[in-house]
Protein backbone atom coordinates (compact mmCIF):
# COMPACT_ATOMS: atom_id res chain seq x y z
CA UNK A 1 -7.64 0.16 -10.40
CA UNK A 2 -4.74 0.73 -7.98
CA UNK A 3 -5.81 -0.10 -4.43
CA UNK A 4 -4.51 0.78 -0.95
CA UNK A 5 -3.58 -2.51 0.74
CA UNK A 6 -1.51 -1.33 3.73
CA UNK A 7 -1.55 1.69 6.05
CA UNK A 8 1.00 2.23 8.85
CA UNK A 9 2.25 -1.35 8.65
CA UNK A 10 -1.22 -2.90 8.84
CA UNK A 11 -2.45 -5.10 6.02
CA UNK A 12 -5.97 -4.19 4.93
CA UNK A 13 -7.22 -7.76 4.54
CA UNK A 14 -10.66 -6.63 3.38
CA UNK A 15 -9.02 -4.89 0.42
CA UNK A 16 -7.02 -8.02 -0.43
CA UNK A 17 -10.17 -10.16 -0.30
CA UNK A 18 -11.74 -7.76 -2.77
CA UNK A 19 -8.76 -8.08 -5.14
CA UNK A 20 -7.92 -11.75 -4.82
CA UNK A 21 -4.27 -11.87 -3.67
CA UNK A 22 -3.51 -13.39 -0.31
CA UNK A 23 -1.51 -11.75 2.45
CA UNK A 24 1.38 -14.14 1.73
CA UNK A 25 1.55 -12.79 -1.84
CA UNK A 26 1.61 -9.23 -0.51
CA UNK A 27 4.45 -10.12 1.85
CA UNK A 28 6.37 -11.59 -1.08
CA UNK A 29 5.93 -8.34 -3.02
CA UNK A 30 7.14 -6.36 -0.01
CA UNK A 31 10.28 -8.51 0.28
CA UNK A 32 10.96 -8.16 -3.43
CA UNK A 33 10.69 -4.40 -2.99
CA UNK A 34 13.37 -4.44 -0.30
CA UNK A 35 11.13 -4.14 2.76
CA UNK A 36 12.70 -5.83 5.78
CA UNK A 37 10.07 -4.93 8.40
CA UNK A 38 6.36 -4.64 7.63
CA UNK A 39 5.97 -1.87 10.21
CA UNK A 40 8.37 0.26 8.13
CA UNK A 41 5.73 0.52 5.39
CA UNK A 42 3.42 3.48 5.96
CA UNK A 43 1.51 2.95 2.73
CA UNK A 44 1.33 0.23 0.09
CA UNK A 45 -0.72 0.46 -3.08
CA UNK A 46 -1.26 -2.64 -5.21
CA UNK A 47 -1.08 -1.64 -8.86
CA UNK A 48 -3.34 -3.17 -11.56
CA UNK A 49 -0.56 -5.28 -13.09
CA UNK A 50 0.57 -6.66 -9.74
CA UNK A 51 3.29 -4.18 -8.85
CA UNK A 52 3.48 -2.47 -5.49
CA UNK A 53 3.97 1.21 -4.70
CA UNK A 54 5.48 1.63 -1.24
CA UNK A 55 5.77 4.73 0.93
CA UNK A 56 8.32 3.95 3.66
CA UNK A 57 7.82 5.13 7.22
CA UNK A 58 8.65 8.80 7.59
CA UNK A 59 8.02 9.66 3.94
CA UNK A 60 5.02 11.18 2.19
CA UNK A 61 3.42 10.89 -1.23
CA UNK A 62 2.15 13.68 -3.45
CA UNK A 63 -1.63 13.90 -3.13
CA UNK A 64 -1.98 13.96 -6.91
CA UNK A 65 -0.44 10.49 -7.14
CA UNK A 66 -3.25 8.88 -5.16
CA UNK A 67 -6.15 10.42 -7.07
CA UNK A 68 -8.24 7.61 -8.47
CA UNK A 69 -6.72 5.03 -6.13
CA UNK A 70 -9.33 2.78 -4.50
CA UNK A 71 -9.16 3.46 -0.76
CA UNK A 72 -7.47 6.87 -1.14
CA UNK A 73 -9.92 8.26 1.40
CA UNK A 74 -8.43 6.11 4.16
CA UNK A 75 -4.89 7.37 3.62
CA UNK A 76 -3.99 9.52 6.63
CA UNK A 77 -3.39 13.18 5.78
CA UNK A 78 0.01 12.89 7.48
CA UNK A 79 1.17 10.69 4.57
CA UNK A 80 0.07 13.15 1.89
CA UNK A 81 1.94 16.18 0.69
């Protein structure tokens, strides 16, 4: 299941422990996605096949796109549209 792994630039280590990947692997995925500063990531969702969905700072995501995502309840309302 897709899982929230970052909120407002903060890595949710407890979510990563649940999934298996280490923080270093998450940082690698962020770099590969073009992220230059961790704090510029308001939301990151680790997808089941290892991809990463990123919501950059100042942007929002459609509420329908996070239905069924593990940890969706901790996504701040300010990031949802």
